[in-house]
C-alpha cells in the first residue's frame, strides 16, 4: 500500500544534529496520520508521500522547518519565590503572557538563592536536523482517526 492522504504510517526514526550526534531514536515504530494533520515534520511527510513499506530516507531540515530559530527573548529571570521550594535545574513549568491562553513550556536552567532562570526554547531550536527513517507499515486510517485528525491505539480506540 502506498502512503497517501488519510493513511496511517508507522516508521522507525533517528534524529541527529548536523554533526551526526544522535538526539532521538525510536525503540519501536511510531505512527502518524498522513495528509497534513501535523503529526510529523512537513518535509518528512512530503518525502514519504506515495512511498511504500520498506522505504528509507534521510531528510535534512533547517530550523525554520522544525523548531524555529533560538530566541534569546524566551530566556527569563524570575523571582525564586515564584517557584516551589524544591525547584531544580531540568524541571519544566508552563507559563505564558497574562490575559492569553497561549503557553510555553519553560525548562529551568539555573537556580540561585534569589532567582530562577528558565528557557522557553525547544531543546533543538536553532539546529539543523537530520531525520532518518524507515517505513514499517502503512494502512488505511479509520473514519474516527480521520475525524479526530490523529492515530488511535492498536485496537482502534482512543480516550478523549
C-alpha atoms as a PDB file:
ATOM      1  CA  UNK A   1       0.000   0.000   0.000  1.00  0.00           C
ATOM      2  CA  UNK A   2       1.210   3.486  -0.859  1.00  0.00           C
ATOM      3  CA  UNK A   3       1.431   6.364   1.589  1.00  0.00           C
ATOM      4  CA  UNK A   4      -1.358   8.773   0.670  1.00  0.00           C
ATOM      5  CA  UNK A   5      -3.641  11.223   2.436  1.00  0.00           C
ATOM      6  CA  UNK A   6      -5.563   9.532   5.255  1.00  0.00           C
ATOM      7  CA  UNK A   7      -3.233   6.589   5.675  1.00  0.00           C
ATOM      8  CA  UNK A   8      -1.565   5.679   8.962  1.00  0.00           C
ATOM      9  CA  UNK A   9       2.188   5.448   8.541  1.00  0.00           C
ATOM     10  CA  UNK A  10       4.413   3.627  11.020  1.00  0.00           C
ATOM     11  CA  UNK A  11       8.145   4.174  10.977  1.00  0.00           C
ATOM     12  CA  UNK A  12      11.357   3.883  12.912  1.00  0.00           C
ATOM     13  CA  UNK A  13      13.425   7.042  13.017  1.00  0.00           C
ATOM     14  CA  UNK A  14      16.613   8.590  14.255  1.00  0.00           C
ATOM     15  CA  UNK A  15      17.075  12.324  14.716  1.00  0.00           C
ATOM     16  CA  UNK A  16      20.624  13.681  14.587  1.00  0.00           C
ATOM     17  CA  UNK A  17      22.186  17.127  14.578  1.00  0.00           C
ATOM     18  CA  UNK A  18      24.318  18.446  11.712  1.00  0.00           C
ATOM     19  CA  UNK A  19      27.445  16.754  13.122  1.00  0.00           C
ATOM     20  CA  UNK A  20      25.681  13.365  13.282  1.00  0.00           C
ATOM     21  CA  UNK A  21      25.166  13.330  17.056  1.00  0.00           C
ATOM     22  CA  UNK A  22      22.087  11.257  17.946  1.00  0.00           C
ATOM     23  CA  UNK A  23      19.338  13.331  19.582  1.00  0.00           C
ATOM     24  CA  UNK A  24      16.440  10.862  19.489  1.00  0.00           C
ATOM     25  CA  UNK A  25      15.910   7.327  18.293  1.00  0.00           C
ATOM     26  CA  UNK A  26      12.854   5.083  18.381  1.00  0.00           C
ATOM     27  CA  UNK A  27      12.899   1.783  20.212  1.00  0.00           C
ATOM     28  CA  UNK A  28       9.718   0.763  18.427  1.00  0.00           C
ATOM     29  CA  UNK A  29       7.850   2.285  15.482  1.00  0.00           C
ATOM     30  CA  UNK A  30       5.821   5.473  15.871  1.00  0.00           C
ATOM     31  CA  UNK A  31       2.666   6.121  13.823  1.00  0.00           C
ATOM     32  CA  UNK A  32       1.158   9.285  12.380  1.00  0.00           C
ATOM     33  CA  UNK A  33      -1.830  10.199  10.227  1.00  0.00           C
ATOM     34  CA  UNK A  34      -0.538  11.218   6.796  1.00  0.00           C
ATOM     35  CA  UNK A  35      -2.056  14.144   4.946  1.00  0.00           C
ATOM     36  CA  UNK A  36      -1.227  17.454   6.594  1.00  0.00           C
ATOM     37  CA  UNK A  37      -2.502  16.769  10.111  1.00  0.00           C
ATOM     38  CA  UNK A  38       0.687  17.963  11.823  1.00  0.00           C
ATOM     39  CA  UNK A  39       1.759  14.593  13.186  1.00  0.00           C
ATOM     40  CA  UNK A  40       5.236  14.750  11.637  1.00  0.00           C
ATOM     41  CA  UNK A  41       7.538  17.367  10.135  1.00  0.00           C
ATOM     42  CA  UNK A  42       6.021  18.611   6.841  1.00  0.00           C
ATOM     43  CA  UNK A  43       9.252  17.997   4.880  1.00  0.00           C
ATOM     44  CA  UNK A  44       9.346  14.385   6.093  1.00  0.00           C
ATOM     45  CA  UNK A  45       5.696  13.924   5.199  1.00  0.00           C
ATOM     46  CA  UNK A  46       6.375  15.339   1.737  1.00  0.00           C
ATOM     47  CA  UNK A  47       9.305  12.929   1.246  1.00  0.00           C
ATOM     48  CA  UNK A  48       7.218   9.920   2.332  1.00  0.00           C
ATOM     49  CA  UNK A  49       4.200  10.734   0.152  1.00  0.00           C
ATOM     50  CA  UNK A  50       3.463   7.906  -2.329  1.00  0.00           C
ATOM     51  CA  UNK A  51       6.215   5.668  -0.877  1.00  0.00           C
ATOM     52  CA  UNK A  52       5.676   2.128   0.471  1.00  0.00           C
ATOM     53  CA  UNK A  53       6.683  -0.164   3.340  1.00  0.00           C
ATOM     54  CA  UNK A  54      10.463  -0.548   3.459  1.00  0.00           C
ATOM     55  CA  UNK A  55      11.229   2.919   2.084  1.00  0.00           C
ATOM     56  CA  UNK A  56      14.132   4.600   3.882  1.00  0.00           C
ATOM     57  CA  UNK A  57      15.308   8.181   3.634  1.00  0.00           C
ATOM     58  CA  UNK A  58      17.152  10.983   5.385  1.00  0.00           C
ATOM     59  CA  UNK A  59      15.623  14.452   5.330  1.00  0.00           C
ATOM     60  CA  UNK A  60      17.812  17.394   6.349  1.00  0.00           C
ATOM     61  CA  UNK A  61      15.804  20.239   7.836  1.00  0.00           C
ATOM     62  CA  UNK A  62      16.770  23.787   8.753  1.00  0.00           C
ATOM     63  CA  UNK A  63      15.436  25.396  11.965  1.00  0.00           C
ATOM     64  CA  UNK A  64      12.528  27.078  10.166  1.00  0.00           C
ATOM     65  CA  UNK A  65      11.338  23.601   9.119  1.00  0.00           C
ATOM     66  CA  UNK A  66      11.420  22.186  12.661  1.00  0.00           C
ATOM     67  CA  UNK A  67      11.531  24.049  15.982  1.00  0.00           C
ATOM     68  CA  UNK A  68      12.469  27.542  14.779  1.00  0.00           C
ATOM     69  CA  UNK A  69      15.460  29.705  15.490  1.00  0.00           C
ATOM     70  CA  UNK A  70      16.775  30.070  19.029  1.00  0.00           C
ATOM     71  CA  UNK A  71      15.041  33.087  20.616  1.00  0.00           C
ATOM     72  CA  UNK A  72      17.002  34.794  23.416  1.00  0.00           C
ATOM     73  CA  UNK A  73      13.784  36.581  24.462  1.00  0.00           C
ATOM     74  CA  UNK A  74      12.424  33.237  25.669  1.00  0.00           C
ATOM     75  CA  UNK A  75      15.004  33.180  28.468  1.00  0.00           C
ATOM     76  CA  UNK A  76      13.518  34.685  31.604  1.00  0.00           C
ATOM     77  CA  UNK A  77      14.896  35.503  35.025  1.00  0.00           C
ATOM     78  CA  UNK A  78      12.135  35.014  37.582  1.00  0.00           C
ATOM     79  CA  UNK A  79      11.973  35.589  41.334  1.00  0.00           C
ATOM     80  CA  UNK A  80      12.866  32.483  43.334  1.00  0.00           C
ATOM     81  CA  UNK A  81       9.679  32.858  45.384  1.00  0.00           C
ATOM     82  CA  UNK A  82       7.509  32.265  42.294  1.00  0.00           C
ATOM     83  CA  UNK A  83       8.612  28.597  42.238  1.00  0.00           C
ATOM     84  CA  UNK A  84       8.171  25.635  44.564  1.00  0.00           C
ATOM     85  CA  UNK A  85      10.774  25.217  47.292  1.00  0.00           C
ATOM     86  CA  UNK A  86      12.128  22.050  45.616  1.00  0.00           C
ATOM     87  CA  UNK A  87      12.764  23.654  42.191  1.00  0.00           C
ATOM     88  CA  UNK A  88      15.838  22.201  40.464  1.00  0.00           C
ATOM     89  CA  UNK A  89      17.628  22.571  37.149  1.00  0.00           C
ATOM     90  CA  UNK A  90      15.903  20.475  34.483  1.00  0.00           C
ATOM     91  CA  UNK A  91      12.362  20.865  35.818  1.00  0.00           C
ATOM     92  CA  UNK A  92       9.681  22.081  33.398  1.00  0.00           C
ATOM     93  CA  UNK A  93       6.969  24.664  34.040  1.00  0.00           C
ATOM     94  CA  UNK A  94       4.143  26.026  31.939  1.00  0.00           C
ATOM     95  CA  UNK A  95       3.980  29.798  31.510  1.00  0.00           C
ATOM     96  CA  UNK A  96       2.565  32.479  29.297  1.00  0.00           C
ATOM     97  CA  UNK A  97       1.589  36.096  28.959  1.00  0.00           C
ATOM     98  CA  UNK A  98      -1.242  37.264  31.172  1.00  0.00           C
ATOM     99  CA  UNK A  99      -4.619  37.525  29.507  1.00  0.00           C
ATOM    100  CA  UNK A 100      -3.876  34.890  26.870  1.00  0.00           C
ATOM    101  CA  UNK A 101      -4.456  31.165  26.550  1.00  0.00           C
ATOM    102  CA  UNK A 102      -1.105  30.727  24.808  1.00  0.00           C
ATOM    103  CA  UNK A 103       1.502  28.957  26.886  1.00  0.00           C
ATOM    104  CA  UNK A 104       5.090  27.812  26.598  1.00  0.00           C
ATOM    105  CA  UNK A 105       6.887  25.030  28.413  1.00  0.00           C
ATOM    106  CA  UNK A 106       9.906  26.520  30.176  1.00  0.00           C
ATOM    107  CA  UNK A 107      12.892  24.496  31.357  1.00  0.00           C
ATOM    108  CA  UNK A 108      14.753  25.573  34.486  1.00  0.00           C
ATOM    109  CA  UNK A 109      18.388  26.197  33.545  1.00  0.00           C
ATOM    110  CA  UNK A 110      19.708  27.789  36.769  1.00  0.00           C
ATOM    111  CA  UNK A 111      18.583  28.305  40.359  1.00  0.00           C
ATOM    112  CA  UNK A 112      20.121  30.783  42.808  1.00  0.00           C
ATOM    113  CA  UNK A 113      19.015  31.982  46.237  1.00  0.00           C
ATOM    114  CA  UNK A 114      17.087  34.858  44.621  1.00  0.00           C
ATOM    115  CA  UNK A 115      16.267  33.849  41.046  1.00  0.00           C
ATOM    116  CA  UNK A 116      15.282  31.023  38.742  1.00  0.00           C
ATOM    117  CA  UNK A 117      16.324  31.192  35.095  1.00  0.00           C
ATOM    118  CA  UNK A 118      14.010  29.449  32.644  1.00  0.00           C
ATOM    119  CA  UNK A 119      14.303  28.885  28.894  1.00  0.00           C
ATOM    120  CA  UNK A 120      11.216  28.573  26.661  1.00  0.00           C
ATOM    121  CA  UNK A 121      13.104  27.442  23.563  1.00  0.00           C
ATOM    122  CA  UNK A 122      12.677  23.880  22.357  1.00  0.00           C
ATOM    123  CA  UNK A 123      15.905  21.969  23.119  1.00  0.00           C
ATOM    124  CA  UNK A 124      16.514  21.591  19.361  1.00  0.00           C
ATOM    125  CA  UNK A 125      15.690  25.205  18.401  1.00  0.00           C
ATOM    126  CA  UNK A 126      18.226  26.763  16.050  1.00  0.00           C
ATOM    127  CA  UNK A 127      19.603  23.401  14.948  1.00  0.00           C
ATOM    128  CA  UNK A 128      19.842  21.807  11.517  1.00  0.00           C
ATOM    129  CA  UNK A 129      18.383  18.325  11.980  1.00  0.00           C
ATOM    130  CA  UNK A 130      18.642  15.078  10.038  1.00  0.00           C
ATOM    131  CA  UNK A 131      15.583  12.823  10.226  1.00  0.00           C
ATOM    132  CA  UNK A 132      16.419   9.297   9.061  1.00  0.00           C
ATOM    133  CA  UNK A 133      13.520   6.860   8.883  1.00  0.00           C
ATOM    134  CA  UNK A 134      12.293   3.545   7.529  1.00  0.00           C
ATOM    135  CA  UNK A 135       8.602   2.906   6.866  1.00  0.00           C
ATOM    136  CA  UNK A 136       7.473  -0.242   8.690  1.00  0.00           C
ATOM    137  CA  UNK A 137       3.733  -0.213   7.970  1.00  0.00           C
ATOM    138  CA  UNK A 138       1.043   1.635   6.012  1.00  0.00           C
ATOM    139  CA  UNK A 139      -2.684   1.115   6.487  1.00  0.00           C
ATOM    140  CA  UNK A 140      -5.881   2.989   5.735  1.00  0.00           C
ATOM    141  CA  UNK A 141      -6.924   5.334   8.553  1.00  0.00           C
ATOM    142  CA  UNK A 142     -10.238   4.698  10.248  1.00  0.00           C
ATOM    143  CA  UNK A 143     -13.121   7.150   9.966  1.00  0.00           C
ATOM    144  CA  UNK A 144     -12.584   8.079  13.641  1.00  0.00           C
ATOM    145  CA  UNK A 145      -8.867   8.696  13.116  1.00  0.00           C
ATOM    146  CA  UNK A 146      -9.593  10.990  10.182  1.00  0.00           C
ATOM    147  CA  UNK A 147     -12.312  12.896  12.047  1.00  0.00           C
ATOM    148  CA  UNK A 148     -10.068  13.269  15.131  1.00  0.00           C
ATOM    149  CA  UNK A 149      -7.019  14.016  12.938  1.00  0.00           C
ATOM    150  CA  UNK A 150      -4.687  11.601  14.743  1.00  0.00           C
ATOM    151  CA  UNK A 151      -3.884   7.911  15.037  1.00  0.00           C
ATOM    152  CA  UNK A 152      -5.771   5.861  17.593  1.00  0.00           C
ATOM    153  CA  UNK A 153      -4.437   2.939  19.612  1.00  0.00           C
ATOM    154  CA  UNK A 154      -3.700  -0.571  18.443  1.00  0.00           C
ATOM    155  CA  UNK A 155      -7.326  -1.600  18.982  1.00  0.00           C
ATOM    156  CA  UNK A 156      -8.757   1.336  17.047  1.00  0.00           C
ATOM    157  CA  UNK A 157      -9.910   3.403  20.007  1.00  0.00           C
ATOM    158  CA  UNK A 158      -8.625   6.426  21.843  1.00  0.00           C
ATOM    159  CA  UNK A 159      -9.717   8.033  25.086  1.00  0.00           C
ATOM    160  CA  UNK A 160     -10.776  11.648  24.576  1.00  0.00           C
END
